[in-house]
Amino acid sequence: MLLGLPLAAAGAQEAPPQSPPPQQPQPTTMTPATPTTNQVQVPGFGDLDKAHRGYLDRSDIPKDVESLRDLRMHFNDADLNHDGLLTPDEYGAYTGPKAPGQAH
């Protein structure tokens, strides 16, 4: 019996090597896209509100500005409170940067 004790004690001291815990994938952070030279510039609200009324009606949206073509077509969608006028906030919400794949 005495011979078994040293062997048991020796076996308890030699533990199998521990592998490091699995690493969790790190979350990726999204950085905003930088504008490219081929992106269309949308006129600012103040550029269109020439009478300084603080709102735009559909006739204030020029027909010949390609970047505002969708806004003219979907003016009622951009007019969130359906009063027939666009406030600076409504204009900005419609013409501002969109997430990839987001459409009007």
PDB file of N, CA and C in Angstrom:
ATOM      1  N   MET A   1       0.785  -1.188   0.000  1.00  0.00           N
ATOM      2  CA  MET A   1       0.000   0.000   0.000  1.00  0.00           C
ATOM      3  C   MET A   1       0.837   1.267   0.000  1.00  0.00           C
ATOM      4  N   LEU A   2       1.902   1.234   0.653  1.00  0.00           N
ATOM      5  CA  LEU A   2       2.748   2.402   0.693  1.00  0.00           C
ATOM      6  C   LEU A   2       3.316   2.735  -0.681  1.00  0.00           C
ATOM      7  N   LEU A   3       3.480   1.765  -1.490  1.00  0.00           N
ATOM      8  CA  LEU A   3       4.022   2.014  -2.817  1.00  0.00           C
ATOM      9  C   LEU A   3       3.017   2.735  -3.707  1.00  0.00           C
ATOM     10  N   GLY A   4       1.738   2.565  -3.498  1.00  0.00           N
ATOM     11  CA  GLY A   4       0.721   3.191  -4.332  1.00  0.00           C
ATOM     12  C   GLY A   4       0.563   4.672  -4.066  1.00  0.00           C
ATOM     13  N   LEU A   5       0.897   5.137  -2.869  1.00  0.00           N
ATOM     14  CA  LEU A   5       0.725   6.543  -2.548  1.00  0.00           C
ATOM     15  C   LEU A   5       1.618   7.470  -3.378  1.00  0.00           C
ATOM     16  N   PRO A   6       2.887   7.204  -3.521  1.00  0.00           N
ATOM     17  CA  PRO A   6       3.702   8.124  -4.316  1.00  0.00           C
ATOM     18  C   PRO A   6       3.243   8.184  -5.771  1.00  0.00           C
ATOM     19  N   LEU A   7       2.787   7.077  -6.303  1.00  0.00           N
ATOM     20  CA  LEU A   7       2.337   7.094  -7.695  1.00  0.00           C
ATOM     21  C   LEU A   7       1.055   7.909  -7.842  1.00  0.00           C
ATOM     22  N   ALA A   8       0.142   7.797  -6.890  1.00  0.00           N
ATOM     23  CA  ALA A   8      -1.094   8.550  -6.951  1.00  0.00           C
ATOM     24  C   ALA A   8      -0.809  10.044  -6.815  1.00  0.00           C
ATOM     25  N   ALA A   9       0.110  10.383  -5.923  1.00  0.00           N
ATOM     26  CA  ALA A   9       0.441  11.785  -5.734  1.00  0.00           C
ATOM     27  C   ALA A   9       1.140  12.331  -6.973  1.00  0.00           C
ATOM     28  N   ALA A  10       1.977  11.545  -7.599  1.00  0.00           N
ATOM     29  CA  ALA A  10       2.686  11.991  -8.795  1.00  0.00           C
ATOM     30  C   ALA A  10       1.697  12.203  -9.934  1.00  0.00           C
ATOM     31  N   GLY A  11       0.702  11.337 -10.054  1.00  0.00           N
ATOM     32  CA  GLY A  11      -0.290  11.464 -11.110  1.00  0.00           C
ATOM     33  C   GLY A  11      -1.169  12.681 -10.919  1.00  0.00           C
ATOM     34  N   ALA A  12      -1.440  13.061  -9.675  1.00  0.00           N
ATOM     35  CA  ALA A  12      -2.289  14.210  -9.410  1.00  0.00           C
ATOM     36  C   ALA A  12      -1.571  15.505  -9.750  1.00  0.00           C
ATOM     37  N   GLN A  13      -0.246  15.512  -9.672  1.00  0.00           N
ATOM     38  CA  GLN A  13       0.499  16.727  -9.955  1.00  0.00           C
ATOM     39  C   GLN A  13       0.623  16.978 -11.449  1.00  0.00           C
ATOM     40  N   GLU A  14       0.614  15.954 -12.251  1.00  0.00           N
ATOM     41  CA  GLU A  14       0.771  16.107 -13.684  1.00  0.00           C
ATOM     42  C   GLU A  14      -0.604  16.223 -14.339  1.00  0.00           C
ATOM     43  N   ALA A  15      -1.083  17.411 -14.455  1.00  0.00           N
ATOM     44  CA  ALA A  15      -2.381  17.635 -15.096  1.00  0.00           C
ATOM     45  C   ALA A  15      -2.147  17.806 -16.590  1.00  0.00           C
ATOM     46  N   PRO A  16      -3.102  17.395 -17.396  1.00  0.00           N
ATOM     47  CA  PRO A  16      -2.930  17.577 -18.841  1.00  0.00           C
ATOM     48  C   PRO A  16      -2.901  19.078 -19.169  1.00  0.00           C
ATOM     49  N   PRO A  17      -2.155  19.455 -20.189  1.00  0.00           N
ATOM     50  CA  PRO A  17      -2.080  20.882 -20.526  1.00  0.00           C
ATOM     51  C   PRO A  17      -3.468  21.415 -20.898  1.00  0.00           C
ATOM     52  N   GLN A  18      -3.758  22.600 -20.419  1.00  0.00           N
ATOM     53  CA  GLN A  18      -5.061  23.224 -20.675  1.00  0.00           C
ATOM     54  C   GLN A  18      -4.972  24.009 -21.975  1.00  0.00           C
ATOM     55  N   SER A  19      -5.984  23.835 -22.816  1.00  0.00           N
ATOM     56  CA  SER A  19      -6.012  24.627 -24.043  1.00  0.00           C
ATOM     57  C   SER A  19      -6.670  25.967 -23.720  1.00  0.00           C
ATOM     58  N   PRO A  20      -6.271  27.033 -24.394  1.00  0.00           N
ATOM     59  CA  PRO A  20      -6.876  28.348 -24.117  1.00  0.00           C
ATOM     60  C   PRO A  20      -8.364  28.329 -24.473  1.00  0.00           C
ATOM     61  N   PRO A  21      -9.161  29.130 -23.774  1.00  0.00           N
ATOM     62  CA  PRO A  21     -10.596  29.149 -24.078  1.00  0.00           C
ATOM     63  C   PRO A  21     -10.812  29.647 -25.510  1.00  0.00           C
ATOM     64  N   PRO A  22     -11.844  29.133 -26.163  1.00  0.00           N
ATOM     65  CA  PRO A  22     -12.083  29.585 -27.540  1.00  0.00           C
ATOM     66  C   PRO A  22     -12.375  31.081 -27.562  1.00  0.00           C
ATOM     67  N   GLN A  23     -11.833  31.732 -28.558  1.00  0.00           N
ATOM     68  CA  GLN A  23     -12.032  33.168 -28.671  1.00  0.00           C
ATOM     69  C   GLN A  23     -13.364  33.444 -29.359  1.00  0.00           C
ATOM     70  N   GLN A  24     -14.062  34.412 -28.811  1.00  0.00           N
ATOM     71  CA  GLN A  24     -15.326  34.831 -29.401  1.00  0.00           C
ATOM     72  C   GLN A  24     -15.021  35.756 -30.574  1.00  0.00           C
ATOM     73  N   PRO A  25     -15.792  35.666 -31.651  1.00  0.00           N
ATOM     74  CA  PRO A  25     -15.559  36.603 -32.757  1.00  0.00           C
ATOM     75  C   PRO A  25     -15.811  38.028 -32.303  1.00  0.00           C
ATOM     76  N   GLN A  26     -14.936  38.896 -32.703  1.00  0.00           N
ATOM     77  CA  GLN A  26     -15.051  40.303 -32.333  1.00  0.00           C
ATOM     78  C   GLN A  26     -16.077  40.971 -33.236  1.00  0.00           C
ATOM     79  N   PRO A  27     -16.960  41.808 -32.663  1.00  0.00           N
ATOM     80  CA  PRO A  27     -17.936  42.502 -33.500  1.00  0.00           C
ATOM     81  C   PRO A  27     -17.229  43.471 -34.436  1.00  0.00           C
ATOM     82  N   THR A  28     -17.731  43.554 -35.647  1.00  0.00           N
ATOM     83  CA  THR A  28     -17.153  44.493 -36.591  1.00  0.00           C
ATOM     84  C   THR A  28     -17.866  45.826 -36.450  1.00  0.00           C
ATOM     85  N   THR A  29     -17.124  46.862 -36.591  1.00  0.00           N
ATOM     86  CA  THR A  29     -17.717  48.185 -36.524  1.00  0.00           C
ATOM     87  C   THR A  29     -17.854  48.717 -37.937  1.00  0.00           C
ATOM     88  N   MET A  30     -18.994  49.329 -38.189  1.00  0.00           N
ATOM     89  CA  MET A  30     -19.252  49.881 -39.510  1.00  0.00           C
ATOM     90  C   MET A  30     -18.832  51.345 -39.505  1.00  0.00           C
ATOM     91  N   THR A  31     -18.115  51.733 -40.513  1.00  0.00           N
ATOM     92  CA  THR A  31     -17.768  53.134 -40.657  1.00  0.00           C
ATOM     93  C   THR A  31     -18.631  53.720 -41.766  1.00  0.00           C
ATOM     94  N   PRO A  32     -19.048  54.955 -41.607  1.00  0.00           N
ATOM     95  CA  PRO A  32     -19.894  55.544 -42.640  1.00  0.00           C
ATOM     96  C   PRO A  32     -19.155  55.611 -43.969  1.00  0.00           C
ATOM     97  N   ALA A  33     -19.899  55.399 -45.027  1.00  0.00           N
ATOM     98  CA  ALA A  33     -19.311  55.475 -46.358  1.00  0.00           C
ATOM     99  C   ALA A  33     -18.916  56.912 -46.657  1.00  0.00           C
ATOM    100  N   THR A  34     -17.794  57.055 -47.287  1.00  0.00           N
ATOM    101  CA  THR A  34     -17.375  58.390 -47.668  1.00  0.00           C
ATOM    102  C   THR A  34     -17.932  58.703 -49.041  1.00  0.00           C
ATOM    103  N   PRO A  35     -18.339  59.931 -49.255  1.00  0.00           N
ATOM    104  CA  PRO A  35     -18.911  60.275 -50.550  1.00  0.00           C
ATOM    105  C   PRO A  35     -17.905  60.068 -51.675  1.00  0.00           C
ATOM    106  N   THR A  36     -18.381  59.604 -52.785  1.00  0.00           N
ATOM    107  CA  THR A  36     -17.519  59.453 -53.948  1.00  0.00           C
ATOM    108  C   THR A  36     -17.815  60.573 -54.928  1.00  0.00           C
ATOM    109  N   THR A  37     -16.972  60.707 -55.892  1.00  0.00           N
ATOM    110  CA  THR A  37     -17.137  61.807 -56.826  1.00  0.00           C
ATOM    111  C   THR A  37     -18.337  61.621 -57.734  1.00  0.00           C
ATOM    112  N   ASN A  38     -18.851  60.391 -57.882  1.00  0.00           N
ATOM    113  CA  ASN A  38     -19.981  60.193 -58.776  1.00  0.00           C
ATOM    114  C   ASN A  38     -21.326  60.295 -58.066  1.00  0.00           C
ATOM    115  N   GLN A  39     -21.336  60.614 -56.774  1.00  0.00           N
ATOM    116  CA  GLN A  39     -22.601  60.784 -56.082  1.00  0.00           C
ATOM    117  C   GLN A  39     -23.219  62.120 -56.464  1.00  0.00           C
ATOM    118  N   VAL A  40     -24.528  62.130 -56.575  1.00  0.00           N
ATOM    119  CA  VAL A  40     -25.257  63.318 -56.980  1.00  0.00           C
ATOM    120  C   VAL A  40     -25.438  64.232 -55.776  1.00  0.00           C
ATOM    121  N   GLN A  41     -25.201  65.491 -55.967  1.00  0.00           N
ATOM    122  CA  GLN A  41     -25.382  66.468 -54.904  1.00  0.00           C
ATOM    123  C   GLN A  41     -26.827  66.956 -54.908  1.00  0.00           C
ATOM    124  N   VAL A  42     -27.439  66.954 -53.737  1.00  0.00           N
ATOM    125  CA  VAL A  42     -28.814  67.413 -53.581  1.00  0.00           C
ATOM    126  C   VAL A  42     -28.762  68.841 -53.045  1.00  0.00           C
ATOM    127  N   PRO A  43     -29.493  69.765 -53.667  1.00  0.00           N
ATOM    128  CA  PRO A  43     -29.505  71.139 -53.156  1.00  0.00           C
ATOM    129  C   PRO A  43     -30.007  71.173 -51.711  1.00  0.00           C
ATOM    130  N   GLY A  44     -29.494  72.090 -50.940  1.00  0.00           N
ATOM    131  CA  GLY A  44     -29.950  72.258 -49.565  1.00  0.00           C
ATOM    132  C   GLY A  44     -31.332  72.891 -49.527  1.00  0.00           C
ATOM    133  N   PHE A  45     -32.005  72.725 -48.397  1.00  0.00           N
ATOM    134  CA  PHE A  45     -33.351  73.282 -48.226  1.00  0.00           C
ATOM    135  C   PHE A  45     -33.353  74.786 -48.504  1.00  0.00           C
ATOM    136  N   GLY A  46     -32.370  75.495 -47.970  1.00  0.00           N
ATOM    137  CA  GLY A  46     -32.291  76.941 -48.150  1.00  0.00           C
ATOM    138  C   GLY A  46     -32.111  77.360 -49.604  1.00  0.00           C
ATOM    139  N   ASP A  47     -31.477  76.481 -50.402  1.00  0.00           N
ATOM    140  CA  ASP A  47     -31.310  76.784 -51.822  1.00  0.00           C
ATOM    141  C   ASP A  47     -32.649  76.772 -52.549  1.00  0.00           C
ATOM    142  N   LEU A  48     -33.577  75.978 -52.063  1.00  0.00           N
ATOM    143  CA  LEU A  48     -34.889  75.868 -52.711  1.00  0.00           C
ATOM    144  C   LEU A  48     -35.912  76.826 -52.119  1.00  0.00           C
ATOM    145  N   ASP A  49     -35.758  77.176 -50.852  1.00  0.00           N
ATOM    146  CA  ASP A  49     -36.698  78.083 -50.178  1.00  0.00           C
ATOM    147  C   ASP A  49     -36.269  79.527 -50.459  1.00  0.00           C
ATOM    148  N   LYS A  50     -36.410  79.923 -51.704  1.00  0.00           N
ATOM    149  CA  LYS A  50     -35.942  81.243 -52.127  1.00  0.00           C
ATOM    150  C   LYS A  50     -36.744  82.379 -51.495  1.00  0.00           C
ATOM    151  N   ALA A  51     -37.997  82.123 -51.124  1.00  0.00           N
ATOM    152  CA  ALA A  51     -38.841  83.146 -50.499  1.00  0.00           C
ATOM    153  C   ALA A  51     -38.659  83.170 -48.978  1.00  0.00           C
ATOM    154  N   HIS A  52     -37.822  82.274 -48.451  1.00  0.00           N
ATOM    155  CA  HIS A  52     -37.538  82.212 -47.007  1.00  0.00           C
ATOM    156  C   HIS A  52     -38.813  82.045 -46.182  1.00  0.00           C
ATOM    157  N   ARG A  53     -39.677  81.155 -46.639  1.00  0.00           N
ATOM    158  CA  ARG A  53     -40.940  80.908 -45.931  1.00  0.00           C
ATOM    159  C   ARG A  53     -40.786  79.857 -44.832  1.00  0.00           C
ATOM    160  N   GLY A  54     -39.740  79.054 -44.913  1.00  0.00           N
ATOM    161  CA  GLY A  54     -39.547  78.004 -43.920  1.00  0.00           C
ATOM    162  C   GLY A  54     -40.201  76.695 -44.321  1.00  0.00           C
ATOM    163  N   TYR A  55     -40.705  76.618 -45.540  1.00  0.00           N
ATOM    164  CA  TYR A  55     -41.301  75.393 -46.059  1.00  0.00           C
ATOM    165  C   TYR A  55     -41.180  75.398 -47.576  1.00  0.00           C
ATOM    166  N   LEU A  56     -41.395  74.230 -48.166  1.00  0.00           N
ATOM    167  CA  LEU A  56     -41.407  74.082 -49.618  1.00  0.00           C
ATOM    168  C   LEU A  56     -42.727  73.469 -50.033  1.00  0.00           C
ATOM    169  N   ASP A  57     -43.277  73.939 -51.142  1.00  0.00           N
ATOM    170  CA  ASP A  57     -44.393  73.208 -51.737  1.00  0.00           C
ATOM    171  C   ASP A  57     -43.849  72.536 -52.999  1.00  0.00           C
ATOM    172  N   ARG A  58     -44.652  71.736 -53.637  1.00  0.00           N
ATOM    173  CA  ARG A  58     -44.166  70.952 -54.765  1.00  0.00           C
ATOM    174  C   ARG A  58     -43.621  71.842 -55.876  1.00  0.00           C
ATOM    175  N   SER A  59     -44.189  73.012 -56.059  1.00  0.00           N
ATOM    176  CA  SER A  59     -43.717  73.896 -57.129  1.00  0.00           C
ATOM    177  C   SER A  59     -42.316  74.454 -56.849  1.00  0.00           C
ATOM    178  N   ASP A  60     -41.843  74.362 -55.606  1.00  0.00           N
ATOM    179  CA  ASP A  60     -40.495  74.817 -55.273  1.00  0.00           C
ATOM    180  C   ASP A  60     -39.424  73.806 -55.680  1.00  0.00           C
ATOM    181  N   ILE A  61     -39.850  72.583 -55.995  1.00  0.00           N
ATOM    182  CA  ILE A  61     -38.896  71.531 -56.365  1.00  0.00           C
ATOM    183  C   ILE A  61     -38.676  71.630 -57.875  1.00  0.00           C
ATOM    184  N   PRO A  62     -37.463  71.991 -58.319  1.00  0.00           N
ATOM    185  CA  PRO A  62     -37.227  72.177 -59.752  1.00  0.00           C
ATOM    186  C   PRO A  62     -37.377  70.880 -60.543  1.00  0.00           C
ATOM    187  N   LYS A  63     -37.930  71.004 -61.732  1.00  0.00           N
ATOM    188  CA  LYS A  63     -38.123  69.846 -62.611  1.00  0.00           C
ATOM    189  C   LYS A  63     -36.822  69.420 -63.273  1.00  0.00           C
ATOM    190  N   ASP A  64     -35.903  70.354 -63.452  1.00  0.00           N
ATOM    191  CA  ASP A  64     -34.690  70.072 -64.222  1.00  0.00           C
ATOM    192  C   ASP A  64     -33.489  69.632 -63.375  1.00  0.00           C
ATOM    193  N   VAL A  65     -33.690  69.384 -62.083  1.00  0.00           N
ATOM    194  CA  VAL A  65     -32.594  68.931 -61.218  1.00  0.00           C
ATOM    195  C   VAL A  65     -32.759  67.420 -61.016  1.00  0.00           C
ATOM    196  N   GLU A  66     -31.843  66.677 -61.624  1.00  0.00           N
ATOM    197  CA  GLU A  66     -31.931  65.208 -61.614  1.00  0.00           C
ATOM    198  C   GLU A  66     -31.970  64.642 -60.194  1.00  0.00           C
ATOM    199  N   SER A  67     -31.198  65.213 -59.271  1.00  0.00           N
ATOM    200  CA  SER A  67     -31.145  64.685 -57.905  1.00  0.00           C
ATOM    201  C   SER A  67     -32.462  64.876 -57.151  1.00  0.00           C
ATOM    202  N   LEU A  68     -33.362  65.718 -57.664  1.00  0.00           N
ATOM    203  CA  LEU A  68     -34.656  65.953 -57.008  1.00  0.00           C
ATOM    204  C   LEU A  68     -35.817  65.307 -57.762  1.00  0.00           C
ATOM    205  N   ARG A  69     -35.504  64.555 -58.806  1.00  0.00           N
ATOM    206  CA  ARG A  69     -36.543  63.898 -59.609  1.00  0.00           C
ATOM    207  C   ARG A  69     -37.425  62.997 -58.748  1.00  0.00           C
ATOM    208  N   ASP A  70     -36.822  62.174 -57.899  1.00  0.00           N
ATOM    209  CA  ASP A  70     -37.603  61.280 -57.028  1.00  0.00           C
ATOM    210  C   ASP A  70     -38.450  62.066 -56.031  1.00  0.00           C
ATOM    211  N   LEU A  71     -37.908  63.157 -55.526  1.00  0.00           N
ATOM    212  CA  LEU A  71     -38.668  63.960 -54.572  1.00  0.00           C
ATOM    213  C   LEU A  71     -39.909  64.542 -55.240  1.00  0.00           C
ATOM    214  N   ARG A  72     -39.782  65.021 -56.469  1.00  0.00           N
ATOM    215  CA  ARG A  72     -40.966  65.540 -57.180  1.00  0.00           C
ATOM    216  C   ARG A  72     -41.996  64.431 -57.374  1.00  0.00           C
ATOM    217  N   MET A  73     -41.522  63.246 -57.736  1.00  0.00           N
ATOM    218  CA  MET A  73     -42.443  62.130 -57.984  1.00  0.00           C
ATOM    219  C   MET A  73     -43.108  61.636 -56.704  1.00  0.00           C
ATOM    220  N   HIS A  74     -42.394  61.724 -55.590  1.00  0.00           N
ATOM    221  CA  HIS A  74     -42.885  61.164 -54.319  1.00  0.00           C
ATOM    222  C   HIS A  74     -43.056  62.253 -53.263  1.00  0.00           C
ATOM    223  N   PHE A  75     -43.445  63.419 -53.694  1.00  0.00           N
ATOM    224  CA  PHE A  75     -43.584  64.553 -52.773  1.00  0.00           C
ATOM    225  C   PHE A  75     -44.515  64.206 -51.614  1.00  0.00           C
ATOM    226  N   ASN A  76     -45.632  63.541 -51.910  1.00  0.00           N
ATOM    227  CA  ASN A  76     -46.591  63.202 -50.849  1.00  0.00           C
ATOM    228  C   ASN A  76     -46.011  62.224 -49.835  1.00  0.00           C
ATOM    229  N   ASP A  77     -45.104  61.361 -50.270  1.00  0.00           N
ATOM    230  CA  ASP A  77     -44.434  60.449 -49.334  1.00  0.00           C
ATOM    231  C   ASP A  77     -43.471  61.217 -48.424  1.00  0.00           C
ATOM    232  N   ALA A  78     -42.809  62.218 -48.983  1.00  0.00           N
ATOM    233  CA  ALA A  78     -41.867  63.016 -48.190  1.00  0.00           C
ATOM    234  C   ALA A  78     -42.600  63.921 -47.206  1.00  0.00           C
ATOM    235  N   ASP A  79     -43.825  64.304 -47.547  1.00  0.00           N
ATOM    236  CA  ASP A  79     -44.648  65.180 -46.692  1.00  0.00           C
ATOM    237  C   ASP A  79     -45.263  64.324 -45.580  1.00  0.00           C
ATOM    238  N   LEU A  80     -44.499  64.120 -44.527  1.00  0.00           N
ATOM    239  CA  LEU A  80     -44.879  63.169 -43.476  1.00  0.00           C
ATOM    240  C   LEU A  80     -46.166  63.531 -42.748  1.00  0.00           C
ATOM    241  N   ASN A  81     -46.464  64.819 -42.587  1.00  0.00           N
ATOM    242  CA  ASN A  81     -47.700  65.193 -41.878  1.00  0.00           C
ATOM    243  C   ASN A  81     -48.838  65.524 -42.853  1.00  0.00           C
ATOM    244  N   HIS A  82     -48.579  65.333 -44.144  1.00  0.00           N
ATOM    245  CA  HIS A  82     -49.602  65.464 -45.198  1.00  0.00           C
ATOM    246  C   HIS A  82     -50.306  66.820 -45.191  1.00  0.00           C
ATOM    247  N   ASP A  83     -49.500  67.878 -45.023  1.00  0.00           N
ATOM    248  CA  ASP A  83     -50.085  69.219 -45.075  1.00  0.00           C
ATOM    249  C   ASP A  83     -49.812  69.914 -46.408  1.00  0.00           C
ATOM    250  N   GLY A  84     -49.197  69.193 -47.356  1.00  0.00           N
ATOM    251  CA  GLY A  84     -48.913  69.767 -48.664  1.00  0.00           C
ATOM    252  C   GLY A  84     -47.635  70.581 -48.702  1.00  0.00           C
ATOM    253  N   LEU A  85     -46.887  70.595 -47.603  1.00  0.00           N
ATOM    254  CA  LEU A  85     -45.660  71.381 -47.498  1.00  0.00           C
ATOM    255  C   LEU A  85     -44.548  70.509 -46.932  1.00  0.00           C
ATOM    256  N   LEU A  86     -43.318  70.834 -47.306  1.00  0.00           N
ATOM    257  CA  LEU A  86     -42.162  70.149 -46.719  1.00  0.00           C
ATOM    258  C   LEU A  86     -41.439  71.100 -45.787  1.00  0.00           C
ATOM    259  N   THR A  87     -41.254  70.672 -44.560  1.00  0.00           N
ATOM    260  CA  THR A  87     -40.443  71.420 -43.600  1.00  0.00           C
ATOM    261  C   THR A  87     -38.976  71.042 -43.840  1.00  0.00           C
ATOM    262  N   PRO A  88     -38.059  71.779 -43.257  1.00  0.00           N
ATOM    263  CA  PRO A  88     -36.648  71.382 -43.389  1.00  0.00           C
ATOM    264  C   PRO A  88     -36.404  69.954 -42.896  1.00  0.00           C
ATOM    265  N   ASP A  89     -37.080  69.542 -41.822  1.00  0.00           N
ATOM    266  CA  ASP A  89     -36.901  68.182 -41.308  1.00  0.00           C
ATOM    267  C   ASP A  89     -37.426  67.143 -42.291  1.00  0.00           C
ATOM    268  N   GLU A  90     -38.577  67.379 -42.878  1.00  0.00           N
ATOM    269  CA  GLU A  90     -39.136  66.438 -43.845  1.00  0.00           C
ATOM    270  C   GLU A  90     -38.235  66.351 -45.086  1.00  0.00           C
ATOM    271  N   TYR A  91     -37.768  67.494 -45.539  1.00  0.00           N
ATOM    272  CA  TYR A  91     -36.876  67.534 -46.699  1.00  0.00           C
ATOM    273  C   TYR A  91     -35.594  66.756 -46.398  1.00  0.00           C
ATOM    274  N   GLY A  92     -35.004  67.016 -45.236  1.00  0.00           N
ATOM    275  CA  GLY A  92     -33.777  66.332 -44.856  1.00  0.00           C
ATOM    276  C   GLY A  92     -33.965  64.838 -44.680  1.00  0.00           C
ATOM    277  N   ALA A  93     -35.112  64.445 -44.127  1.00  0.00           N
ATOM    278  CA  ALA A  93     -35.376  63.015 -43.939  1.00  0.00           C
ATOM    279  C   ALA A  93     -35.473  62.304 -45.286  1.00  0.00           C
ATOM    280  N   TYR A  94     -35.997  62.971 -46.282  1.00  0.00           N
ATOM    281  CA  TYR A  94     -36.164  62.350 -47.590  1.00  0.00           C
ATOM    282  C   TYR A  94     -34.876  62.392 -48.407  1.00  0.00           C
ATOM    283  N   THR A  95     -34.146  63.487 -48.343  1.00  0.00           N
ATOM    284  CA  THR A  95     -32.971  63.654 -49.204  1.00  0.00           C
ATOM    285  C   THR A  95     -31.665  63.296 -48.521  1.00  0.00           C
ATOM    286  N   GLY A  96     -31.695  63.065 -47.205  1.00  0.00           N
ATOM    287  CA  GLY A  96     -30.456  62.791 -46.471  1.00  0.00           C
ATOM    288  C   GLY A  96     -29.870  61.443 -46.820  1.00  0.00           C
ATOM    289  N   PRO A  97     -28.702  61.144 -46.217  1.00  0.00           N
ATOM    290  CA  PRO A  97     -28.029  59.873 -46.487  1.00  0.00           C
ATOM    291  C   PRO A  97     -28.918  58.701 -46.112  1.00  0.00           C
ATOM    292  N   LYS A  98     -28.873  57.668 -46.901  1.00  0.00           N
ATOM    293  CA  LYS A  98     -29.660  56.464 -46.677  1.00  0.00           C
ATOM    294  C   LYS A  98     -28.729  55.293 -46.421  1.00  0.00           C
ATOM    295  N   ALA A  99     -29.233  54.348 -45.674  1.00  0.00           N
ATOM    296  CA  ALA A  99     -28.484  53.120 -45.466  1.00  0.00           C
ATOM    297  C   ALA A  99     -28.458  52.351 -46.778  1.00  0.00           C
ATOM    298  N   PRO A 100     -27.422  51.522 -47.002  1.00  0.00           N
ATOM    299  CA  PRO A 100     -27.379  50.745 -48.233  1.00  0.00           C
ATOM    300  C   PRO A 100     -28.645  49.913 -48.415  1.00  0.00           C
ATOM    301  N   GLY A 101     -29.203  49.966 -49.572  1.00  0.00           N
ATOM    302  CA  GLY A 101     -30.399  49.200 -49.883  1.00  0.00           C
ATOM    303  C   GLY A 101     -31.692  49.888 -49.491  1.00  0.00           C
ATOM    304  N   GLN A 102     -31.619  51.007 -48.801  1.00  0.00           N
ATOM    305  CA  GLN A 102     -32.830  51.704 -48.378  1.00  0.00           C
ATOM    306  C   GLN A 102     -33.323  52.565 -49.532  1.00  0.00           C
ATOM    307  N   ALA A 103     -34.573  52.483 -49.823  1.00  0.00           N
ATOM    308  CA  ALA A 103     -35.140  53.259 -50.922  1.00  0.00           C
ATOM    309  C   ALA A 103     -36.241  54.149 -50.370  1.00  0.00           C
ATOM    310  N   HIS A 104     -36.658  55.123 -51.185  1.00  0.00           N
ATOM    311  CA  HIS A 104     -37.759  56.008 -50.802  1.00  0.00           C
ATOM    312  C   HIS A 104     -39.065  55.350 -51.124  1.00  0.00           C
TER     313      HIS A 104
END
